[in-house]
């Protein structure tokens, strides 16, 4: 989207000239939910640690999200721009694999 901007300039001979320019407006990036999925093998402690370390949640927030994942089958770990959300998902999958857990995350456009 472009926005038209008009500005007046006083010339040395006392006349006013109008300068016209357009300014390109940036649109906000689409946001994505990072949703963690429950499984029967990943420990609640590991999920809580992931939420604290990767998603920077407090101990209380991490516990609440972990319980939602455990009881409802999934929980929102955070909402981010696409590139950041994708990075978070990769970090979770890498850390889970390194520790022998099948923990998975998905992205959902908000």
N, C-alpha and C. Protein backbone atom coordinates (compact mmCIF):
# COMPACT_ATOMS: atom_id res chain seq x y z
N UNK A 1 0.85 -1.17 0.00
CA UNK A 1 0.00 0.00 0.00
C UNK A 1 0.89 1.23 0.00
N UNK A 2 0.51 2.21 -0.77
CA UNK A 2 1.27 3.46 -0.84
C UNK A 2 0.40 4.60 -0.32
N UNK A 3 1.06 5.55 0.32
CA UNK A 3 0.35 6.70 0.85
C UNK A 3 0.93 7.95 0.20
N UNK A 4 0.07 8.83 -0.28
CA UNK A 4 0.49 10.07 -0.93
C UNK A 4 0.78 11.11 0.13
N UNK A 5 1.94 11.75 0.00
CA UNK A 5 2.34 12.78 0.95
C UNK A 5 2.58 14.07 0.17
N UNK A 6 1.91 15.13 0.56
CA UNK A 6 2.09 16.44 -0.06
C UNK A 6 2.80 17.34 0.94
N UNK A 7 3.77 18.10 0.45
CA UNK A 7 4.44 19.05 1.33
C UNK A 7 4.70 20.34 0.56
N UNK A 8 4.48 21.45 1.23
CA UNK A 8 4.69 22.75 0.61
C UNK A 8 6.08 23.27 0.90
N UNK A 9 6.69 23.89 -0.12
CA UNK A 9 8.02 24.46 0.03
C UNK A 9 7.97 25.90 -0.47
N UNK A 10 8.48 26.82 0.34
CA UNK A 10 8.53 28.24 -0.03
C UNK A 10 9.81 28.48 -0.83
N UNK A 11 9.66 28.98 -2.05
CA UNK A 11 10.82 29.25 -2.90
C UNK A 11 11.38 30.63 -2.58
N UNK A 12 12.63 30.94 -3.01
CA UNK A 12 13.24 32.24 -2.72
C UNK A 12 12.43 33.43 -3.26
N UNK A 13 11.65 33.24 -4.30
CA UNK A 13 10.87 34.35 -4.85
C UNK A 13 9.51 34.50 -4.16
N UNK A 14 9.30 33.75 -3.06
CA UNK A 14 8.07 33.89 -2.27
C UNK A 14 6.92 33.02 -2.72
N UNK A 15 7.11 32.20 -3.71
CA UNK A 15 6.04 31.32 -4.17
C UNK A 15 6.13 29.98 -3.42
N UNK A 16 5.00 29.37 -3.33
CA UNK A 16 4.95 28.05 -2.69
C UNK A 16 4.81 26.98 -3.77
N UNK A 17 5.65 25.99 -3.68
CA UNK A 17 5.52 24.85 -4.59
C UNK A 17 5.14 23.62 -3.76
N UNK A 18 4.40 22.77 -4.38
CA UNK A 18 3.97 21.55 -3.69
C UNK A 18 4.77 20.38 -4.23
N UNK A 19 5.37 19.66 -3.31
CA UNK A 19 6.10 18.46 -3.69
C UNK A 19 5.21 17.26 -3.37
N UNK A 20 5.16 16.38 -4.31
CA UNK A 20 4.34 15.19 -4.13
C UNK A 20 5.27 13.97 -4.09
N UNK A 21 5.08 13.14 -3.09
CA UNK A 21 5.85 11.90 -3.03
C UNK A 21 4.97 10.82 -2.41
N UNK A 22 5.31 9.63 -2.66
CA UNK A 22 4.55 8.53 -2.06
C UNK A 22 5.44 7.80 -1.07
N UNK A 23 4.82 7.29 -0.06
CA UNK A 23 5.53 6.54 0.96
C UNK A 23 4.93 5.15 1.02
N UNK A 24 5.77 4.17 0.88
CA UNK A 24 5.30 2.79 0.91
C UNK A 24 5.11 2.37 2.37
N UNK A 25 3.92 1.91 2.69
CA UNK A 25 3.65 1.46 4.05
C UNK A 25 3.90 -0.03 4.15
N UNK A 26 4.55 -0.41 5.22
CA UNK A 26 4.82 -1.82 5.45
C UNK A 26 3.63 -2.46 6.14
N UNK A 27 3.27 -3.65 5.69
CA UNK A 27 2.19 -4.33 6.38
C UNK A 27 2.79 -5.25 7.44
N UNK A 28 2.05 -5.47 8.48
CA UNK A 28 2.52 -6.33 9.56
C UNK A 28 2.62 -7.76 9.06
N UNK A 29 3.64 -8.49 9.54
CA UNK A 29 3.78 -9.87 9.09
C UNK A 29 2.67 -10.75 9.66
N UNK A 30 2.36 -11.80 8.94
CA UNK A 30 1.39 -12.78 9.44
C UNK A 30 1.99 -13.45 10.67
N UNK A 31 1.15 -13.74 11.63
CA UNK A 31 1.60 -14.37 12.86
C UNK A 31 1.17 -15.84 12.87
N UNK A 32 2.00 -16.65 13.51
CA UNK A 32 1.76 -18.09 13.56
C UNK A 32 1.85 -18.60 14.99
N UNK A 33 0.90 -19.47 15.34
CA UNK A 33 0.93 -20.14 16.64
C UNK A 33 1.86 -21.33 16.54
N UNK A 34 2.71 -21.49 17.54
CA UNK A 34 3.49 -22.71 17.66
C UNK A 34 2.73 -23.59 18.64
N UNK A 35 2.21 -24.71 18.14
CA UNK A 35 1.38 -25.59 18.94
C UNK A 35 2.16 -26.87 19.23
N UNK A 36 2.30 -27.17 20.52
CA UNK A 36 2.98 -28.40 20.93
C UNK A 36 1.93 -29.49 21.07
N UNK A 37 2.29 -30.69 20.59
CA UNK A 37 1.36 -31.82 20.59
C UNK A 37 1.74 -32.83 21.67
N UNK A 38 0.73 -33.39 22.29
CA UNK A 38 0.94 -34.41 23.32
C UNK A 38 1.34 -35.73 22.68
N UNK A 39 2.15 -36.49 23.40
CA UNK A 39 2.45 -37.86 23.00
C UNK A 39 2.57 -38.69 24.28
N UNK A 40 2.70 -39.98 24.14
CA UNK A 40 2.72 -40.86 25.31
C UNK A 40 4.12 -41.12 25.86
N UNK A 41 5.13 -40.46 25.32
CA UNK A 41 6.50 -40.76 25.72
C UNK A 41 7.27 -39.58 26.30
N UNK A 42 7.03 -38.40 25.81
CA UNK A 42 7.76 -37.22 26.29
C UNK A 42 7.31 -36.89 27.70
N UNK A 43 8.27 -36.71 28.60
CA UNK A 43 7.92 -36.43 29.99
C UNK A 43 7.40 -35.00 30.16
N UNK A 44 6.58 -34.83 31.18
CA UNK A 44 6.04 -33.50 31.48
C UNK A 44 7.17 -32.55 31.86
N UNK A 45 8.17 -33.08 32.55
CA UNK A 45 9.32 -32.27 32.96
C UNK A 45 10.07 -31.74 31.73
N UNK A 46 10.26 -32.60 30.73
CA UNK A 46 10.96 -32.17 29.51
C UNK A 46 10.17 -31.09 28.79
N UNK A 47 8.86 -31.26 28.68
CA UNK A 47 8.01 -30.26 28.02
C UNK A 47 8.12 -28.93 28.75
N UNK A 48 8.07 -28.97 30.07
CA UNK A 48 8.18 -27.75 30.88
C UNK A 48 9.53 -27.08 30.64
N UNK A 49 10.59 -27.87 30.60
CA UNK A 49 11.93 -27.32 30.35
C UNK A 49 12.01 -26.66 28.97
N UNK A 50 11.43 -27.30 27.96
CA UNK A 50 11.41 -26.74 26.60
C UNK A 50 10.68 -25.39 26.60
N UNK A 51 9.54 -25.35 27.28
CA UNK A 51 8.76 -24.11 27.33
C UNK A 51 9.54 -22.99 28.02
N UNK A 52 10.29 -23.33 29.05
CA UNK A 52 11.08 -22.32 29.76
C UNK A 52 12.30 -21.89 28.95
N UNK A 53 12.99 -22.85 28.34
CA UNK A 53 14.26 -22.54 27.68
C UNK A 53 14.12 -22.01 26.26
N UNK A 54 13.23 -22.58 25.49
CA UNK A 54 13.10 -22.15 24.09
C UNK A 54 12.08 -21.03 23.94
N UNK A 55 10.98 -21.13 24.69
CA UNK A 55 9.90 -20.15 24.55
C UNK A 55 9.94 -19.07 25.63
N UNK A 56 10.92 -19.14 26.52
CA UNK A 56 11.13 -18.13 27.57
C UNK A 56 9.90 -17.92 28.45
N UNK A 57 9.23 -19.01 28.79
CA UNK A 57 8.07 -18.94 29.68
C UNK A 57 8.55 -19.03 31.13
N UNK A 58 7.80 -18.41 32.03
CA UNK A 58 8.09 -18.54 33.45
C UNK A 58 7.74 -19.97 33.87
N UNK A 59 8.19 -20.38 35.04
CA UNK A 59 7.88 -21.73 35.53
C UNK A 59 6.37 -21.94 35.60
N UNK A 60 5.67 -20.93 36.05
CA UNK A 60 4.21 -21.04 36.18
C UNK A 60 3.53 -21.17 34.81
N UNK A 61 3.92 -20.29 33.87
CA UNK A 61 3.35 -20.35 32.52
C UNK A 61 3.66 -21.69 31.86
N UNK A 62 4.90 -22.14 32.01
CA UNK A 62 5.32 -23.41 31.40
C UNK A 62 4.50 -24.57 31.95
N UNK A 63 4.26 -24.56 33.24
CA UNK A 63 3.46 -25.62 33.86
C UNK A 63 2.02 -25.59 33.36
N UNK A 64 1.44 -24.39 33.26
CA UNK A 64 0.06 -24.27 32.76
C UNK A 64 -0.06 -24.77 31.32
N UNK A 65 0.89 -24.39 30.47
CA UNK A 65 0.85 -24.83 29.07
C UNK A 65 1.07 -26.33 28.99
N UNK A 66 2.02 -26.85 29.77
CA UNK A 66 2.30 -28.29 29.78
C UNK A 66 1.06 -29.07 30.18
N UNK A 67 0.33 -28.60 31.19
CA UNK A 67 -0.89 -29.29 31.62
C UNK A 67 -1.96 -29.24 30.54
N UNK A 68 -2.03 -28.13 29.82
CA UNK A 68 -2.97 -28.03 28.70
C UNK A 68 -2.62 -29.05 27.62
N UNK A 69 -1.34 -29.17 27.32
CA UNK A 69 -0.88 -30.15 26.33
C UNK A 69 -1.23 -31.55 26.80
N UNK A 70 -0.97 -31.83 28.06
CA UNK A 70 -1.22 -33.16 28.63
C UNK A 70 -2.71 -33.50 28.65
N UNK A 71 -3.54 -32.55 29.07
CA UNK A 71 -4.97 -32.81 29.25
C UNK A 71 -5.80 -32.65 27.97
N UNK A 72 -5.42 -31.72 27.11
CA UNK A 72 -6.22 -31.43 25.92
C UNK A 72 -5.61 -31.96 24.62
N UNK A 73 -4.38 -32.43 24.69
CA UNK A 73 -3.73 -32.97 23.50
C UNK A 73 -2.82 -32.00 22.78
N UNK A 74 -2.96 -30.72 23.09
CA UNK A 74 -2.09 -29.71 22.48
C UNK A 74 -2.16 -28.42 23.29
N UNK A 75 -1.19 -27.55 23.05
CA UNK A 75 -1.18 -26.26 23.73
C UNK A 75 -0.34 -25.27 22.95
N UNK A 76 -0.70 -24.01 23.04
CA UNK A 76 0.02 -22.95 22.31
C UNK A 76 1.24 -22.53 23.14
N UNK A 77 2.41 -22.74 22.55
CA UNK A 77 3.65 -22.37 23.22
C UNK A 77 3.98 -20.89 23.01
N UNK A 78 3.51 -20.33 21.89
CA UNK A 78 3.76 -18.93 21.61
C UNK A 78 3.24 -18.55 20.24
N UNK A 79 3.22 -17.25 19.98
CA UNK A 79 2.75 -16.72 18.69
C UNK A 79 3.85 -15.79 18.17
N UNK A 80 4.30 -16.09 16.94
CA UNK A 80 5.45 -15.39 16.38
C UNK A 80 5.27 -15.15 14.89
N UNK A 81 6.11 -14.28 14.33
CA UNK A 81 6.20 -14.14 12.88
C UNK A 81 6.71 -15.47 12.34
N UNK A 82 6.45 -15.73 11.06
CA UNK A 82 6.70 -17.05 10.47
C UNK A 82 8.13 -17.55 10.69
N UNK A 83 9.13 -16.75 10.37
CA UNK A 83 10.52 -17.20 10.47
C UNK A 83 10.90 -17.56 11.90
N UNK A 84 10.44 -16.76 12.84
CA UNK A 84 10.74 -17.04 14.25
C UNK A 84 10.02 -18.29 14.70
N UNK A 85 8.74 -18.43 14.32
CA UNK A 85 7.97 -19.62 14.68
C UNK A 85 8.63 -20.88 14.12
N UNK A 86 9.06 -20.83 12.88
CA UNK A 86 9.72 -21.97 12.25
C UNK A 86 11.02 -22.33 12.98
N UNK A 87 11.76 -21.32 13.39
CA UNK A 87 12.99 -21.55 14.14
C UNK A 87 12.70 -22.22 15.47
N UNK A 88 11.65 -21.77 16.16
CA UNK A 88 11.27 -22.37 17.45
C UNK A 88 10.91 -23.84 17.26
N UNK A 89 10.14 -24.14 16.22
CA UNK A 89 9.75 -25.53 15.95
C UNK A 89 10.99 -26.39 15.72
N UNK A 90 11.92 -25.88 14.93
CA UNK A 90 13.16 -26.63 14.66
C UNK A 90 13.95 -26.85 15.95
N UNK A 91 14.02 -25.83 16.79
CA UNK A 91 14.75 -25.96 18.06
C UNK A 91 14.11 -27.04 18.94
N UNK A 92 12.78 -27.05 19.00
CA UNK A 92 12.08 -28.06 19.80
C UNK A 92 12.36 -29.45 19.25
N UNK A 93 12.21 -29.63 17.94
CA UNK A 93 12.42 -30.95 17.33
C UNK A 93 13.87 -31.42 17.52
N UNK A 94 14.83 -30.51 17.38
CA UNK A 94 16.24 -30.87 17.56
C UNK A 94 16.52 -31.28 19.00
N UNK A 95 16.01 -30.51 19.95
CA UNK A 95 16.24 -30.80 21.37
C UNK A 95 15.55 -32.10 21.77
N UNK A 96 14.34 -32.32 21.27
CA UNK A 96 13.61 -33.56 21.58
C UNK A 96 14.36 -34.77 21.02
N UNK A 97 14.81 -34.68 19.79
CA UNK A 97 15.55 -35.79 19.17
C UNK A 97 16.84 -36.08 19.93
N UNK A 98 17.53 -35.02 20.33
CA UNK A 98 18.78 -35.16 21.07
C UNK A 98 18.56 -35.90 22.39
N UNK A 99 17.37 -35.72 22.98
CA UNK A 99 17.05 -36.34 24.26
C UNK A 99 16.20 -37.60 24.12
N UNK A 100 15.97 -38.04 22.89
CA UNK A 100 15.25 -39.29 22.66
C UNK A 100 13.74 -39.22 22.83
N UNK A 101 13.17 -38.03 22.65
CA UNK A 101 11.72 -37.86 22.77
C UNK A 101 11.10 -37.57 21.41
N UNK A 102 9.85 -38.02 21.20
CA UNK A 102 9.16 -37.77 19.92
C UNK A 102 8.33 -36.48 19.91
N UNK A 103 8.61 -35.55 20.80
CA UNK A 103 7.83 -34.32 20.92
C UNK A 103 7.76 -33.59 19.58
N UNK A 104 6.57 -33.17 19.21
CA UNK A 104 6.36 -32.47 17.94
C UNK A 104 5.61 -31.17 18.16
N UNK A 105 5.88 -30.22 17.27
CA UNK A 105 5.18 -28.94 17.23
C UNK A 105 4.67 -28.73 15.82
N UNK A 106 3.61 -27.97 15.71
CA UNK A 106 3.10 -27.57 14.40
C UNK A 106 2.89 -26.06 14.40
N UNK A 107 2.78 -25.50 13.21
CA UNK A 107 2.47 -24.08 13.05
C UNK A 107 1.04 -23.95 12.58
N UNK A 108 0.37 -22.93 13.08
CA UNK A 108 -0.99 -22.63 12.63
C UNK A 108 -1.08 -21.12 12.46
N UNK A 109 -1.48 -20.69 11.26
CA UNK A 109 -1.60 -19.26 11.01
C UNK A 109 -2.71 -18.68 11.87
N UNK A 110 -2.42 -17.54 12.47
CA UNK A 110 -3.40 -16.91 13.36
C UNK A 110 -4.42 -16.13 12.58
